[in-house]
Amino acid sequence: MKKVILSTLVVLALSISFVSCRDTADKAKDAAEQTGEALEAAGDDLKEVGQNAMNAAGEAVENAADATSDAVDSVKETGAEAMDNAKEAGAEAVDKAKAAGNDVKGVARDAAGKVTDKAKEVKDAVKN
């Protein structure tokens, strides 16, 4: 009787062991499936982050190109204004130089006229 009870206990222990192993295997399989799903979700999240980073980089490049274009346009406008101002300043300088030359010419004529008058006076004084 003892052998029958011990045999029954051994069979019961083995069946519980197999059932327990089967449960453990099922739990491991579920854990593996959950891990796979989590990895897929992480991959999708990484793809989205990569796309967002690429979009942000594209926008940054576009903004930089726009800023560069604006800067070039501003330099062109400023350069054109500077050229216009330089032309005006040059024309003004030429006009002032002409006026100064005319003033010098007039002063020289006046001085020459005065010298001529004095020379006549001296000449008349010497004759008298």
N, C-alpha and C. Protein backbone atom coordinates (compact mmCIF):
# COMPACT_ATOMS: atom_id res chain seq x y z
N MET A 1 0.81 -1.17 0.00
CA MET A 1 0.00 0.00 0.00
C MET A 1 0.86 1.25 0.00
N LYS A 2 1.93 1.04 0.68
CA LYS A 2 2.85 2.15 0.74
C LYS A 2 3.34 2.52 -0.67
N LYS A 3 3.61 1.52 -1.47
CA LYS A 3 4.12 1.76 -2.82
C LYS A 3 3.05 2.43 -3.67
N VAL A 4 1.83 2.07 -3.50
CA VAL A 4 0.75 2.66 -4.28
C VAL A 4 0.63 4.14 -3.92
N ILE A 5 0.69 4.44 -2.64
CA ILE A 5 0.56 5.84 -2.21
C ILE A 5 1.77 6.63 -2.69
N LEU A 6 2.95 6.05 -2.55
CA LEU A 6 4.15 6.75 -3.00
C LEU A 6 4.13 6.93 -4.53
N SER A 7 3.69 5.91 -5.22
CA SER A 7 3.61 6.00 -6.68
C SER A 7 2.61 7.09 -7.08
N THR A 8 1.50 7.13 -6.37
CA THR A 8 0.49 8.15 -6.66
C THR A 8 1.05 9.53 -6.39
N LEU A 9 1.78 9.66 -5.30
CA LEU A 9 2.39 10.97 -4.97
C LEU A 9 3.42 11.38 -6.04
N VAL A 10 4.19 10.42 -6.51
CA VAL A 10 5.19 10.72 -7.54
C VAL A 10 4.50 11.15 -8.83
N VAL A 11 3.44 10.41 -9.21
CA VAL A 11 2.70 10.76 -10.43
C VAL A 11 2.07 12.14 -10.27
N LEU A 12 1.50 12.41 -9.11
CA LEU A 12 0.89 13.71 -8.84
C LEU A 12 1.94 14.82 -8.90
N ALA A 13 3.11 14.56 -8.30
CA ALA A 13 4.19 15.56 -8.33
C ALA A 13 4.66 15.82 -9.76
N LEU A 14 4.79 14.76 -10.55
CA LEU A 14 5.22 14.94 -11.94
C LEU A 14 4.18 15.68 -12.76
N SER A 15 2.91 15.37 -12.54
CA SER A 15 1.88 16.06 -13.30
C SER A 15 1.81 17.53 -12.92
N ILE A 16 1.98 17.82 -11.62
CA ILE A 16 2.00 19.23 -11.20
C ILE A 16 3.23 19.92 -11.79
N SER A 17 4.33 19.19 -11.83
CA SER A 17 5.56 19.74 -12.38
C SER A 17 5.38 20.06 -13.85
N PHE A 18 4.77 19.13 -14.63
CA PHE A 18 4.55 19.38 -16.05
C PHE A 18 3.58 20.53 -16.28
N VAL A 19 2.54 20.57 -15.47
CA VAL A 19 1.57 21.67 -15.59
C VAL A 19 2.24 22.98 -15.24
N SER A 20 3.06 22.96 -14.20
CA SER A 20 3.78 24.16 -13.79
C SER A 20 4.75 24.61 -14.88
N CYS A 21 5.43 23.65 -15.51
CA CYS A 21 6.36 23.99 -16.60
C CYS A 21 5.59 24.54 -17.79
N ARG A 22 4.42 23.95 -18.06
CA ARG A 22 3.61 24.43 -19.17
C ARG A 22 3.16 25.86 -18.89
N ASP A 23 2.74 26.15 -17.66
CA ASP A 23 2.34 27.52 -17.29
C ASP A 23 3.51 28.48 -17.42
N THR A 24 4.66 28.04 -16.98
CA THR A 24 5.85 28.88 -17.08
C THR A 24 6.19 29.15 -18.54
N ALA A 25 6.07 28.12 -19.38
CA ALA A 25 6.35 28.29 -20.80
C ALA A 25 5.34 29.25 -21.42
N ASP A 26 4.06 29.13 -21.02
CA ASP A 26 3.04 30.06 -21.54
C ASP A 26 3.33 31.48 -21.09
N LYS A 27 3.74 31.61 -19.82
CA LYS A 27 4.07 32.96 -19.31
C LYS A 27 5.27 33.53 -20.05
N ALA A 28 6.26 32.72 -20.32
CA ALA A 28 7.45 33.17 -21.06
C ALA A 28 7.06 33.58 -22.48
N LYS A 29 6.16 32.80 -23.10
CA LYS A 29 5.71 33.12 -24.45
C LYS A 29 4.97 34.45 -24.45
N ASP A 30 4.09 34.66 -23.45
CA ASP A 30 3.37 35.94 -23.34
C ASP A 30 4.33 37.10 -23.13
N ALA A 31 5.33 36.87 -22.27
CA ALA A 31 6.32 37.92 -22.01
C ALA A 31 7.10 38.25 -23.28
N ALA A 32 7.42 37.23 -24.06
CA ALA A 32 8.15 37.46 -25.32
C ALA A 32 7.29 38.25 -26.29
N GLU A 33 5.98 37.92 -26.36
CA GLU A 33 5.08 38.65 -27.24
C GLU A 33 4.96 40.11 -26.80
N GLN A 34 4.85 40.32 -25.49
CA GLN A 34 4.75 41.69 -24.98
C GLN A 34 6.04 42.46 -25.25
N THR A 35 7.17 41.78 -25.12
CA THR A 35 8.45 42.42 -25.42
C THR A 35 8.51 42.80 -26.89
N GLY A 36 8.05 41.91 -27.76
CA GLY A 36 8.03 42.21 -29.20
C GLY A 36 7.15 43.40 -29.50
N GLU A 37 5.97 43.45 -28.88
CA GLU A 37 5.08 44.59 -29.09
C GLU A 37 5.70 45.88 -28.58
N ALA A 38 6.37 45.81 -27.42
CA ALA A 38 7.02 47.00 -26.87
C ALA A 38 8.15 47.48 -27.78
N LEU A 39 8.89 46.51 -28.36
CA LEU A 39 9.97 46.88 -29.29
C LEU A 39 9.41 47.52 -30.55
N GLU A 40 8.29 47.00 -31.05
CA GLU A 40 7.65 47.60 -32.22
C GLU A 40 7.22 49.02 -31.92
N ALA A 41 6.60 49.22 -30.74
CA ALA A 41 6.15 50.55 -30.35
C ALA A 41 7.34 51.49 -30.22
N ALA A 42 8.43 51.00 -29.63
CA ALA A 42 9.64 51.82 -29.49
C ALA A 42 10.21 52.17 -30.87
N GLY A 43 10.17 51.20 -31.79
CA GLY A 43 10.65 51.46 -33.16
C GLY A 43 9.80 52.52 -33.84
N ASP A 44 8.49 52.43 -33.68
CA ASP A 44 7.60 53.43 -34.27
C ASP A 44 7.88 54.81 -33.67
N ASP A 45 8.07 54.83 -32.34
CA ASP A 45 8.38 56.11 -31.69
C ASP A 45 9.70 56.69 -32.21
N LEU A 46 10.69 55.82 -32.39
CA LEU A 46 11.98 56.29 -32.93
C LEU A 46 11.84 56.81 -34.35
N LYS A 47 11.01 56.14 -35.17
CA LYS A 47 10.77 56.63 -36.53
C LYS A 47 10.16 58.01 -36.49
N GLU A 48 9.17 58.18 -35.60
CA GLU A 48 8.48 59.47 -35.49
C GLU A 48 9.45 60.56 -35.03
N VAL A 49 10.29 60.22 -34.05
CA VAL A 49 11.28 61.20 -33.57
C VAL A 49 12.24 61.56 -34.70
N GLY A 50 12.66 60.56 -35.47
CA GLY A 50 13.56 60.82 -36.59
C GLY A 50 12.92 61.71 -37.63
N GLN A 51 11.65 61.44 -37.95
CA GLN A 51 10.95 62.27 -38.92
C GLN A 51 10.79 63.69 -38.41
N ASN A 52 10.45 63.82 -37.13
CA ASN A 52 10.32 65.17 -36.55
C ASN A 52 11.65 65.90 -36.59
N ALA A 53 12.74 65.19 -36.30
CA ALA A 53 14.06 65.81 -36.35
C ALA A 53 14.40 66.24 -37.78
N MET A 54 14.07 65.39 -38.75
CA MET A 54 14.34 65.74 -40.15
C MET A 54 13.50 66.95 -40.57
N ASN A 55 12.23 66.97 -40.15
CA ASN A 55 11.38 68.12 -40.48
C ASN A 55 11.92 69.39 -39.85
N ALA A 56 12.34 69.29 -38.59
CA ALA A 56 12.89 70.47 -37.91
C ALA A 56 14.16 70.94 -38.60
N ALA A 57 15.01 70.00 -39.00
CA ALA A 57 16.24 70.37 -39.70
C ALA A 57 15.92 71.02 -41.04
N GLY A 58 14.92 70.48 -41.75
CA GLY A 58 14.52 71.07 -43.03
C GLY A 58 14.00 72.49 -42.84
N GLU A 59 13.20 72.68 -41.80
CA GLU A 59 12.69 74.02 -41.53
C GLU A 59 13.83 74.97 -41.16
N ALA A 60 14.80 74.47 -40.39
CA ALA A 60 15.94 75.31 -40.01
C ALA A 60 16.73 75.72 -41.24
N VAL A 61 16.90 74.79 -42.17
CA VAL A 61 17.63 75.11 -43.42
C VAL A 61 16.85 76.15 -44.23
N GLU A 62 15.52 75.95 -44.31
CA GLU A 62 14.70 76.92 -45.05
C GLU A 62 14.77 78.30 -44.40
N ASN A 63 14.69 78.33 -43.06
CA ASN A 63 14.77 79.61 -42.36
C ASN A 63 16.12 80.27 -42.57
N ALA A 64 17.18 79.47 -42.56
CA ALA A 64 18.52 80.02 -42.79
C ALA A 64 18.63 80.56 -44.22
N ALA A 65 18.06 79.85 -45.16
CA ALA A 65 18.09 80.31 -46.56
C ALA A 65 17.31 81.61 -46.70
N ASP A 66 16.15 81.68 -46.05
CA ASP A 66 15.36 82.92 -46.10
C ASP A 66 16.12 84.07 -45.47
N ALA A 67 16.75 83.81 -44.33
CA ALA A 67 17.50 84.86 -43.65
C ALA A 67 18.68 85.32 -44.51
N THR A 68 19.33 84.38 -45.15
CA THR A 68 20.46 84.73 -46.03
C THR A 68 19.97 85.56 -47.21
N SER A 69 18.86 85.15 -47.79
CA SER A 69 18.29 85.90 -48.91
C SER A 69 17.92 87.32 -48.48
N ASP A 70 17.30 87.42 -47.30
CA ASP A 70 16.94 88.74 -46.77
C ASP A 70 18.18 89.59 -46.55
N ALA A 71 19.23 88.97 -46.02
CA ALA A 71 20.48 89.71 -45.78
C ALA A 71 21.10 90.19 -47.09
N VAL A 72 21.08 89.33 -48.10
CA VAL A 72 21.62 89.71 -49.41
C VAL A 72 20.82 90.88 -49.99
N ASP A 73 19.49 90.78 -49.90
CA ASP A 73 18.65 91.87 -50.40
C ASP A 73 18.94 93.16 -49.65
N SER A 74 19.10 93.06 -48.34
CA SER A 74 19.38 94.23 -47.53
C SER A 74 20.73 94.86 -47.92
N VAL A 75 21.73 93.99 -48.14
CA VAL A 75 23.05 94.49 -48.55
C VAL A 75 22.96 95.16 -49.92
N LYS A 76 22.18 94.57 -50.82
CA LYS A 76 22.00 95.17 -52.15
C LYS A 76 21.37 96.55 -52.02
N GLU A 77 20.31 96.64 -51.20
CA GLU A 77 19.63 97.92 -51.03
C GLU A 77 20.55 98.94 -50.39
N THR A 78 21.27 98.50 -49.36
CA THR A 78 22.19 99.41 -48.67
C THR A 78 23.31 99.85 -49.60
N GLY A 79 23.80 98.91 -50.41
CA GLY A 79 24.86 99.25 -51.37
C GLY A 79 24.36 100.24 -52.40
N ALA A 80 23.14 100.05 -52.88
CA ALA A 80 22.57 100.96 -53.87
C ALA A 80 22.39 102.35 -53.26
N GLU A 81 21.92 102.39 -52.01
CA GLU A 81 21.77 103.68 -51.33
C GLU A 81 23.13 104.34 -51.14
N ALA A 82 24.12 103.55 -50.78
CA ALA A 82 25.47 104.10 -50.58
C ALA A 82 26.01 104.66 -51.90
N MET A 83 25.76 103.94 -53.00
CA MET A 83 26.21 104.42 -54.31
C MET A 83 25.52 105.74 -54.67
N ASP A 84 24.21 105.80 -54.43
CA ASP A 84 23.48 107.03 -54.70
C ASP A 84 24.01 108.17 -53.85
N ASN A 85 24.25 107.89 -52.57
CA ASN A 85 24.79 108.92 -51.68
C ASN A 85 26.17 109.36 -52.12
N ALA A 86 27.00 108.41 -52.58
CA ALA A 86 28.34 108.75 -53.04
C ALA A 86 28.27 109.61 -54.31
N LYS A 87 27.35 109.26 -55.21
CA LYS A 87 27.19 110.06 -56.43
C LYS A 87 26.78 111.49 -56.08
N GLU A 88 25.80 111.59 -55.17
CA GLU A 88 25.34 112.92 -54.76
C GLU A 88 26.47 113.71 -54.10
N ALA A 89 27.23 113.02 -53.23
CA ALA A 89 28.34 113.69 -52.54
C ALA A 89 29.40 114.12 -53.55
N GLY A 90 29.67 113.27 -54.54
CA GLY A 90 30.66 113.60 -55.57
C GLY A 90 30.21 114.80 -56.40
N ALA A 91 28.94 114.80 -56.79
CA ALA A 91 28.41 115.93 -57.57
C ALA A 91 28.46 117.21 -56.74
N GLU A 92 28.13 117.09 -55.47
CA GLU A 92 28.16 118.25 -54.58
C GLU A 92 29.59 118.77 -54.43
N ALA A 93 30.55 117.84 -54.32
CA ALA A 93 31.96 118.24 -54.19
C ALA A 93 32.44 118.95 -55.45
N VAL A 94 32.02 118.44 -56.61
CA VAL A 94 32.41 119.07 -57.88
C VAL A 94 31.82 120.48 -57.96
N ASP A 95 30.54 120.62 -57.57
CA ASP A 95 29.90 121.95 -57.59
C ASP A 95 30.62 122.91 -56.65
N LYS A 96 30.97 122.43 -55.46
CA LYS A 96 31.67 123.30 -54.50
C LYS A 96 33.06 123.65 -54.99
N ALA A 97 33.73 122.70 -55.66
CA ALA A 97 35.06 122.99 -56.20
C ALA A 97 34.97 124.04 -57.30
N LYS A 98 33.94 123.92 -58.15
CA LYS A 98 33.75 124.92 -59.21
C LYS A 98 33.48 126.30 -58.59
N ALA A 99 32.63 126.32 -57.58
CA ALA A 99 32.31 127.59 -56.92
C ALA A 99 33.56 128.18 -56.27
N ALA A 100 34.35 127.33 -55.63
CA ALA A 100 35.58 127.82 -55.00
C ALA A 100 36.55 128.33 -56.07
N GLY A 101 36.64 127.61 -57.19
CA GLY A 101 37.51 128.06 -58.29
C GLY A 101 37.05 129.41 -58.83
N ASN A 102 35.73 129.57 -58.98
CA ASN A 102 35.20 130.85 -59.46
C ASN A 102 35.49 131.96 -58.45
N ASP A 103 35.36 131.63 -57.14
CA ASP A 103 35.66 132.63 -56.11
C ASP A 103 37.13 133.04 -56.17
N VAL A 104 38.02 132.05 -56.32
CA VAL A 104 39.45 132.34 -56.41
C VAL A 104 39.74 133.17 -57.66
N LYS A 105 39.08 132.81 -58.73
CA LYS A 105 39.26 133.54 -59.99
C LYS A 105 38.82 134.99 -59.82
N GLY A 106 37.67 135.19 -59.14
CA GLY A 106 37.17 136.55 -58.92
C GLY A 106 38.11 137.34 -58.02
N VAL A 107 38.59 136.69 -56.96
CA VAL A 107 39.53 137.38 -56.05
C VAL A 107 40.81 137.72 -56.79
N ALA A 108 41.30 136.80 -57.63
CA ALA A 108 42.52 137.06 -58.39
C ALA A 108 42.31 138.21 -59.36
N ARG A 109 41.14 138.30 -59.99
CA ARG A 109 40.85 139.42 -60.91
C ARG A 109 40.82 140.73 -60.13
N ASP A 110 40.15 140.68 -58.95
CA ASP A 110 40.10 141.90 -58.14
C ASP A 110 41.50 142.34 -57.73
N ALA A 111 42.31 141.37 -57.31
CA ALA A 111 43.68 141.70 -56.89
C ALA A 111 44.49 142.23 -58.07
N ALA A 112 44.31 141.59 -59.23
CA ALA A 112 45.04 142.05 -60.42
C ALA A 112 44.58 143.45 -60.80
N GLY A 113 43.27 143.69 -60.68
CA GLY A 113 42.75 145.03 -60.98
C GLY A 113 43.33 146.06 -60.03
N LYS A 114 43.41 145.71 -58.74
CA LYS A 114 43.97 146.64 -57.76
C LYS A 114 45.45 146.88 -58.02
N VAL A 115 46.17 145.83 -58.39
CA VAL A 115 47.60 145.98 -58.70
C VAL A 115 47.75 146.87 -59.93
N THR A 116 46.90 146.69 -60.91
CA THR A 116 46.95 147.52 -62.11
C THR A 116 46.66 148.98 -61.76
N ASP A 117 45.65 149.20 -60.92
CA ASP A 117 45.31 150.56 -60.50
C ASP A 117 46.48 151.20 -59.75
N LYS A 118 47.09 150.44 -58.83
CA LYS A 118 48.23 150.97 -58.07
C LYS A 118 49.40 151.25 -58.99
N ALA A 119 49.59 150.37 -59.97
CA ALA A 119 50.69 150.58 -60.91
C ALA A 119 50.47 151.85 -61.71
N LYS A 120 49.22 152.13 -62.10
CA LYS A 120 48.91 153.36 -62.83
C LYS A 120 49.15 154.56 -61.95
N GLU A 121 48.74 154.46 -60.67
CA GLU A 121 48.94 155.56 -59.74
C GLU A 121 50.40 155.85 -59.55
N VAL A 122 51.20 154.78 -59.41
CA VAL A 122 52.64 154.95 -59.24
C VAL A 122 53.23 155.55 -60.51
N LYS A 123 52.79 155.11 -61.64
CA LYS A 123 53.28 155.59 -62.91
C LYS A 123 52.95 157.09 -63.05
N ASP A 124 51.72 157.45 -62.67
CA ASP A 124 51.30 158.85 -62.74
C ASP A 124 52.10 159.69 -61.74
N ALA A 125 52.35 159.11 -60.59
CA ALA A 125 53.08 159.83 -59.56
C ALA A 125 54.53 160.05 -60.00
N VAL A 126 55.10 159.12 -60.66
CA VAL A 126 56.49 159.24 -61.13
C VAL A 126 56.54 160.28 -62.24
N LYS A 127 55.56 160.38 -63.07
CA LYS A 127 55.54 161.33 -64.17
C LYS A 127 55.36 162.72 -63.62
N ASN A 128 54.68 162.91 -62.60
CA ASN A 128 54.42 164.25 -62.07
C ASN A 128 55.52 164.67 -61.24
